[in-house]
Amino acid sequence: MNNNKNIISQEKSFLKLQNNFSNDFQGIYTAIKEKSSLIIHFIVSLVIIGIELINTMVENFVDLLSFDI
């Protein structure tokens, strides 16, 4: 009888440990997913800002040429 209680206690502690690790890994997965999402947003923002800067530069160059003539 006492042996059965030990086995049940060990199973409960194992399940508790397993649940804690699964929660930890879910948190790590979510953090990595969010980090990669933020990196993608950052890269897209840089591309858009770069395109806008190039567009402004071209507009200024065209304005400069049109005023020179």
PDB file of N, CA and C in Angstrom:
ATOM      1  N   MET A   1       0.822  -1.186   0.000  1.00  0.00           N
ATOM      2  CA  MET A   1       0.000   0.000   0.000  1.00  0.00           C
ATOM      3  C   MET A   1       0.870   1.256   0.000  1.00  0.00           C
ATOM      4  N   ASN A   2       1.893   1.245   0.837  1.00  0.00           N
ATOM      5  CA  ASN A   2       2.802   2.376   0.931  1.00  0.00           C
ATOM      6  C   ASN A   2       3.574   2.541  -0.374  1.00  0.00           C
ATOM      7  N   ASN A   3       3.886   1.419  -1.024  1.00  0.00           N
ATOM      8  CA  ASN A   3       4.601   1.442  -2.291  1.00  0.00           C
ATOM      9  C   ASN A   3       3.748   2.090  -3.382  1.00  0.00           C
ATOM     10  N   ASN A   4       2.448   1.813  -3.373  1.00  0.00           N
ATOM     11  CA  ASN A   4       1.536   2.416  -4.342  1.00  0.00           C
ATOM     12  C   ASN A   4       1.472   3.931  -4.171  1.00  0.00           C
ATOM     13  N   LYS A   5       1.488   4.396  -2.935  1.00  0.00           N
ATOM     14  CA  LYS A   5       1.453   5.833  -2.662  1.00  0.00           C
ATOM     15  C   LYS A   5       2.719   6.511  -3.189  1.00  0.00           C
ATOM     16  N   ASN A   6       3.848   5.832  -3.035  1.00  0.00           N
ATOM     17  CA  ASN A   6       5.103   6.378  -3.559  1.00  0.00           C
ATOM     18  C   ASN A   6       5.074   6.476  -5.082  1.00  0.00           C
ATOM     19  N   ILE A   7       4.539   5.446  -5.721  1.00  0.00           N
ATOM     20  CA  ILE A   7       4.468   5.448  -7.186  1.00  0.00           C
ATOM     21  C   ILE A   7       3.546   6.562  -7.664  1.00  0.00           C
ATOM     22  N   ILE A   8       2.382   6.712  -7.008  1.00  0.00           N
ATOM     23  CA  ILE A   8       1.438   7.767  -7.382  1.00  0.00           C
ATOM     24  C   ILE A   8       2.064   9.139  -7.144  1.00  0.00           C
ATOM     25  N   SER A   9       2.776   9.288  -6.051  1.00  0.00           N
ATOM     26  CA  SER A   9       3.444  10.557  -5.743  1.00  0.00           C
ATOM     27  C   SER A   9       4.510  10.869  -6.781  1.00  0.00           C
ATOM     28  N   GLN A  10       5.267   9.849  -7.195  1.00  0.00           N
ATOM     29  CA  GLN A  10       6.286  10.045  -8.224  1.00  0.00           C
ATOM     30  C   GLN A  10       5.659  10.417  -9.560  1.00  0.00           C
ATOM     31  N   GLU A  11       4.535   9.781  -9.896  1.00  0.00           N
ATOM     32  CA  GLU A  11       3.851  10.098 -11.149  1.00  0.00           C
ATOM     33  C   GLU A  11       3.336  11.536 -11.138  1.00  0.00           C
ATOM     34  N   LYS A  12       2.782  11.972 -10.015  1.00  0.00           N
ATOM     35  CA  LYS A  12       2.280  13.342  -9.904  1.00  0.00           C
ATOM     36  C   LYS A  12       3.411  14.352 -10.024  1.00  0.00           C
ATOM     37  N   SER A  13       4.539  14.077  -9.380  1.00  0.00           N
ATOM     38  CA  SER A  13       5.661  15.008  -9.463  1.00  0.00           C
ATOM     39  C   SER A  13       6.244  15.032 -10.873  1.00  0.00           C
ATOM     40  N   PHE A  14       6.257  13.862 -11.552  1.00  0.00           N
ATOM     41  CA  PHE A  14       6.729  13.818 -12.937  1.00  0.00           C
ATOM     42  C   PHE A  14       5.802  14.622 -13.854  1.00  0.00           C
ATOM     43  N   LEU A  15       4.485  14.458 -13.679  1.00  0.00           N
ATOM     44  CA  LEU A  15       3.529  15.207 -14.497  1.00  0.00           C
ATOM     45  C   LEU A  15       3.644  16.707 -14.243  1.00  0.00           C
ATOM     46  N   LYS A  16       3.863  17.072 -12.976  1.00  0.00           N
ATOM     47  CA  LYS A  16       4.020  18.486 -12.643  1.00  0.00           C
ATOM     48  C   LYS A  16       5.283  19.039 -13.308  1.00  0.00           C
ATOM     49  N   LEU A  17       6.371  18.298 -13.262  1.00  0.00           N
ATOM     50  CA  LEU A  17       7.626  18.709 -13.895  1.00  0.00           C
ATOM     51  C   LEU A  17       7.455  18.777 -15.413  1.00  0.00           C
ATOM     52  N   GLN A  18       6.749  17.810 -15.990  1.00  0.00           N
ATOM     53  CA  GLN A  18       6.509  17.798 -17.424  1.00  0.00           C
ATOM     54  C   GLN A  18       5.669  19.010 -17.835  1.00  0.00           C
ATOM     55  N   ASN A  19       4.656  19.353 -17.066  1.00  0.00           N
ATOM     56  CA  ASN A  19       3.830  20.516 -17.370  1.00  0.00           C
ATOM     57  C   ASN A  19       4.645  21.800 -17.283  1.00  0.00           C
ATOM     58  N   ASN A  20       5.517  21.900 -16.287  1.00  0.00           N
ATOM     59  CA  ASN A  20       6.352  23.095 -16.156  1.00  0.00           C
ATOM     60  C   ASN A  20       7.271  23.251 -17.359  1.00  0.00           C
ATOM     61  N   PHE A  21       7.892  22.156 -17.799  1.00  0.00           N
ATOM     62  CA  PHE A  21       8.786  22.235 -18.953  1.00  0.00           C
ATOM     63  C   PHE A  21       8.022  22.545 -20.230  1.00  0.00           C
ATOM     64  N   SER A  22       6.829  21.978 -20.385  1.00  0.00           N
ATOM     65  CA  SER A  22       6.062  22.267 -21.603  1.00  0.00           C
ATOM     66  C   SER A  22       5.646  23.735 -21.624  1.00  0.00           C
ATOM     67  N   ASN A  23       5.289  24.294 -20.467  1.00  0.00           N
ATOM     68  CA  ASN A  23       4.960  25.720 -20.400  1.00  0.00           C
ATOM     69  C   ASN A  23       6.180  26.575 -20.717  1.00  0.00           C
ATOM     70  N   ASP A  24       7.341  26.165 -20.219  1.00  0.00           N
ATOM     71  CA  ASP A  24       8.575  26.906 -20.504  1.00  0.00           C
ATOM     72  C   ASP A  24       8.888  26.898 -21.994  1.00  0.00           C
ATOM     73  N   PHE A  25       8.773  25.737 -22.619  1.00  0.00           N
ATOM     74  CA  PHE A  25       9.074  25.649 -24.046  1.00  0.00           C
ATOM     75  C   PHE A  25       8.065  26.414 -24.891  1.00  0.00           C
ATOM     76  N   GLN A  26       6.807  26.436 -24.458  1.00  0.00           N
ATOM     77  CA  GLN A  26       5.811  27.235 -25.179  1.00  0.00           C
ATOM     78  C   GLN A  26       6.158  28.716 -25.085  1.00  0.00           C
ATOM     79  N   GLY A  27       6.623  29.155 -23.918  1.00  0.00           N
ATOM     80  CA  GLY A  27       7.031  30.547 -23.747  1.00  0.00           C
ATOM     81  C   GLY A  27       8.229  30.898 -24.606  1.00  0.00           C
ATOM     82  N   ILE A  28       9.205  29.994 -24.665  1.00  0.00           N
ATOM     83  CA  ILE A  28      10.392  30.228 -25.492  1.00  0.00           C
ATOM     84  C   ILE A  28       9.993  30.288 -26.965  1.00  0.00           C
ATOM     85  N   TYR A  29       9.113  29.384 -27.397  1.00  0.00           N
ATOM     86  CA  TYR A  29       8.652  29.378 -28.790  1.00  0.00           C
ATOM     87  C   TYR A  29       7.941  30.690 -29.127  1.00  0.00           C
ATOM     88  N   THR A  30       7.083  31.153 -28.225  1.00  0.00           N
ATOM     89  CA  THR A  30       6.365  32.410 -28.456  1.00  0.00           C
ATOM     90  C   THR A  30       7.331  33.582 -28.530  1.00  0.00           C
ATOM     91  N   ALA A  31       8.329  33.604 -27.655  1.00  0.00           N
ATOM     92  CA  ALA A  31       9.308  34.693 -27.665  1.00  0.00           C
ATOM     93  C   ALA A  31      10.105  34.703 -28.968  1.00  0.00           C
ATOM     94  N   ILE A  32      10.516  33.537 -29.430  1.00  0.00           N
ATOM     95  CA  ILE A  32      11.277  33.458 -30.688  1.00  0.00           C
ATOM     96  C   ILE A  32      10.392  33.870 -31.852  1.00  0.00           C
ATOM     97  N   LYS A  33       9.138  33.434 -31.835  1.00  0.00           N
ATOM     98  CA  LYS A  33       8.212  33.796 -32.910  1.00  0.00           C
ATOM     99  C   LYS A  33       7.992  35.305 -32.934  1.00  0.00           C
ATOM    100  N   GLU A  34       7.812  35.914 -31.778  1.00  0.00           N
ATOM    101  CA  GLU A  34       7.622  37.359 -31.717  1.00  0.00           C
ATOM    102  C   GLU A  34       8.888  38.100 -32.141  1.00  0.00           C
ATOM    103  N   LYS A  35      10.044  37.574 -31.731  1.00  0.00           N
ATOM    104  CA  LYS A  35      11.307  38.217 -32.097  1.00  0.00           C
ATOM    105  C   LYS A  35      11.501  38.185 -33.601  1.00  0.00           C
ATOM    106  N   SER A  36      11.228  37.041 -34.223  1.00  0.00           N
ATOM    107  CA  SER A  36      11.388  36.959 -35.678  1.00  0.00           C
ATOM    108  C   SER A  36      10.381  37.858 -36.372  1.00  0.00           C
ATOM    109  N   SER A  37       9.192  37.972 -35.822  1.00  0.00           N
ATOM    110  CA  SER A  37       8.188  38.869 -36.391  1.00  0.00           C
ATOM    111  C   SER A  37       8.649  40.319 -36.298  1.00  0.00           C
ATOM    112  N   LEU A  38       9.242  40.687 -35.160  1.00  0.00           N
ATOM    113  CA  LEU A  38       9.742  42.051 -35.005  1.00  0.00           C
ATOM    114  C   LEU A  38      10.900  42.328 -35.955  1.00  0.00           C
ATOM    115  N   ILE A  39      11.757  41.336 -36.163  1.00  0.00           N
ATOM    116  CA  ILE A  39      12.885  41.506 -37.088  1.00  0.00           C
ATOM    117  C   ILE A  39      12.365  41.713 -38.503  1.00  0.00           C
ATOM    118  N   ILE A  40      11.351  40.940 -38.891  1.00  0.00           N
ATOM    119  CA  ILE A  40      10.778  41.089 -40.235  1.00  0.00           C
ATOM    120  C   ILE A  40      10.157  42.475 -40.387  1.00  0.00           C
ATOM    121  N   HIS A  41       9.424  42.933 -39.375  1.00  0.00           N
ATOM    122  CA  HIS A  41       8.827  44.269 -39.434  1.00  0.00           C
ATOM    123  C   HIS A  41       9.908  45.346 -39.525  1.00  0.00           C
ATOM    124  N   PHE A  42      10.994  45.161 -38.795  1.00  0.00           N
ATOM    125  CA  PHE A  42      12.088  46.125 -38.818  1.00  0.00           C
ATOM    126  C   PHE A  42      12.724  46.197 -40.210  1.00  0.00           C
ATOM    127  N   ILE A  43      12.958  45.043 -40.820  1.00  0.00           N
ATOM    128  CA  ILE A  43      13.563  45.003 -42.159  1.00  0.00           C
ATOM    129  C   ILE A  43      12.631  45.652 -43.181  1.00  0.00           C
ATOM    130  N   VAL A  44      11.348  45.343 -43.106  1.00  0.00           N
ATOM    131  CA  VAL A  44      10.384  45.939 -44.033  1.00  0.00           C
ATOM    132  C   VAL A  44      10.345  47.454 -43.846  1.00  0.00           C
ATOM    133  N   SER A  45      10.386  47.904 -42.604  1.00  0.00           N
ATOM    134  CA  SER A  45      10.390  49.351 -42.334  1.00  0.00           C
ATOM    135  C   SER A  45      11.637  50.005 -42.930  1.00  0.00           C
ATOM    136  N   LEU A  46      12.783  49.361 -42.765  1.00  0.00           N
ATOM    137  CA  LEU A  46      14.013  49.912 -43.353  1.00  0.00           C
ATOM    138  C   LEU A  46      13.923  49.989 -44.873  1.00  0.00           C
ATOM    139  N   VAL A  47      13.350  48.957 -45.482  1.00  0.00           N
ATOM    140  CA  VAL A  47      13.202  48.966 -46.946  1.00  0.00           C
ATOM    141  C   VAL A  47      12.293  50.101 -47.379  1.00  0.00           C
ATOM    142  N   ILE A  48      11.190  50.267 -46.685  1.00  0.00           N
ATOM    143  CA  ILE A  48      10.245  51.331 -47.045  1.00  0.00           C
ATOM    144  C   ILE A  48      10.878  52.697 -46.852  1.00  0.00           C
ATOM    145  N   ILE A  49      11.587  52.887 -45.752  1.00  0.00           N
ATOM    146  CA  ILE A  49      12.267  54.168 -45.521  1.00  0.00           C
ATOM    147  C   ILE A  49      13.318  54.398 -46.602  1.00  0.00           C
ATOM    148  N   GLY A  50      14.052  53.356 -46.972  1.00  0.00           N
ATOM    149  CA  GLY A  50      15.061  53.474 -48.028  1.00  0.00           C
ATOM    150  C   GLY A  50      14.434  53.860 -49.353  1.00  0.00           C
ATOM    151  N   ILE A  51      13.307  53.241 -49.685  1.00  0.00           N
ATOM    152  CA  ILE A  51      12.620  53.568 -50.936  1.00  0.00           C
ATOM    153  C   ILE A  51      12.144  55.016 -50.907  1.00  0.00           C
ATOM    154  N   GLU A  52      11.618  55.453 -49.779  1.00  0.00           N
ATOM    155  CA  GLU A  52      11.159  56.845 -49.661  1.00  0.00           C
ATOM    156  C   GLU A  52      12.324  57.826 -49.795  1.00  0.00           C
ATOM    157  N   LEU A  53      13.465  57.490 -49.211  1.00  0.00           N
ATOM    158  CA  LEU A  53      14.630  58.363 -49.336  1.00  0.00           C
ATOM    159  C   LEU A  53      15.113  58.441 -50.785  1.00  0.00           C
ATOM    160  N   ILE A  54      15.132  57.301 -51.475  1.00  0.00           N
ATOM    161  CA  ILE A  54      15.532  57.294 -52.879  1.00  0.00           C
ATOM    162  C   ILE A  54      14.532  58.087 -53.717  1.00  0.00           C
ATOM    163  N   ASN A  55      13.252  57.922 -53.431  1.00  0.00           N
ATOM    164  CA  ASN A  55      12.218  58.656 -54.151  1.00  0.00           C
ATOM    165  C   ASN A  55      12.389  60.164 -53.952  1.00  0.00           C
ATOM    166  N   THR A  56      12.643  60.585 -52.727  1.00  0.00           N
ATOM    167  CA  THR A  56      12.849  62.004 -52.441  1.00  0.00           C
ATOM    168  C   THR A  56      14.097  62.519 -53.155  1.00  0.00           C
ATOM    169  N   MET A  57      15.148  61.711 -53.172  1.00  0.00           N
ATOM    170  CA  MET A  57      16.383  62.109 -53.840  1.00  0.00           C
ATOM    171  C   MET A  57      16.157  62.293 -55.344  1.00  0.00           C
ATOM    172  N   VAL A  58      15.421  61.373 -55.955  1.00  0.00           N
ATOM    173  CA  VAL A  58      15.135  61.466 -57.386  1.00  0.00           C
ATOM    174  C   VAL A  58      14.277  62.695 -57.674  1.00  0.00           C
ATOM    175  N   GLU A  59      13.272  62.942 -56.823  1.00  0.00           N
ATOM    176  CA  GLU A  59      12.429  64.124 -57.017  1.00  0.00           C
ATOM    177  C   GLU A  59      13.247  65.408 -56.910  1.00  0.00           C
ATOM    178  N   ASN A  60      14.133  65.462 -55.925  1.00  0.00           N
ATOM    179  CA  ASN A  60      14.980  66.642 -55.773  1.00  0.00           C
ATOM    180  C   ASN A  60      15.917  66.816 -56.970  1.00  0.00           C
ATOM    181  N   PHE A  61      16.430  65.706 -57.496  1.00  0.00           N
ATOM    182  CA  PHE A  61      17.324  65.774 -58.657  1.00  0.00           C
ATOM    183  C   PHE A  61      16.570  66.254 -59.899  1.00  0.00           C
ATOM    184  N   VAL A  62      15.342  65.771 -60.072  1.00  0.00           N
ATOM    185  CA  VAL A  62      14.523  66.193 -61.208  1.00  0.00           C
ATOM    186  C   VAL A  62      14.186  67.680 -61.068  1.00  0.00           C
ATOM    187  N   ASP A  63      13.870  68.118 -59.854  1.00  0.00           N
ATOM    188  CA  ASP A  63      13.588  69.524 -59.633  1.00  0.00           C
ATOM    189  C   ASP A  63      14.823  70.374 -59.937  1.00  0.00           C
ATOM    190  N   LEU A  64      15.977  69.892 -59.534  1.00  0.00           N
ATOM    191  CA  LEU A  64      17.222  70.610 -59.787  1.00  0.00           C
ATOM    192  C   LEU A  64      17.475  70.749 -61.277  1.00  0.00           C
ATOM    193  N   LEU A  65      17.258  69.663 -62.031  1.00  0.00           N
ATOM    194  CA  LEU A  65      17.459  69.715 -63.480  1.00  0.00           C
ATOM    195  C   LEU A  65      16.438  70.627 -64.151  1.00  0.00           C
ATOM    196  N   SER A  66      15.206  70.591 -63.682  1.00  0.00           N
ATOM    197  CA  SER A  66      14.182  71.414 -64.328  1.00  0.00           C
ATOM    198  C   SER A  66      14.426  72.904 -64.057  1.00  0.00           C
ATOM    199  N   PHE A  67      14.981  73.250 -62.909  1.00  0.00           N
ATOM    200  CA  PHE A  67      15.278  74.654 -62.616  1.00  0.00           C
ATOM    201  C   PHE A  67      16.530  75.118 -63.312  1.00  0.00           C
ATOM    202  N   ASP A  68      17.430  74.198 -63.673  1.00  0.00           N
ATOM    203  CA  ASP A  68      18.674  74.568 -64.360  1.00  0.00           C
ATOM    204  C   ASP A  68      18.404  74.987 -65.799  1.00  0.00           C
ATOM    205  N   ILE A  69      17.408  74.403 -66.409  1.00  0.00           N
ATOM    206  CA  ILE A  69      17.142  74.680 -67.829  1.00  0.00           C
ATOM    207  C   ILE A  69      16.435  75.967 -67.937  1.00  0.00           C
TER     208      ILE A  69
END
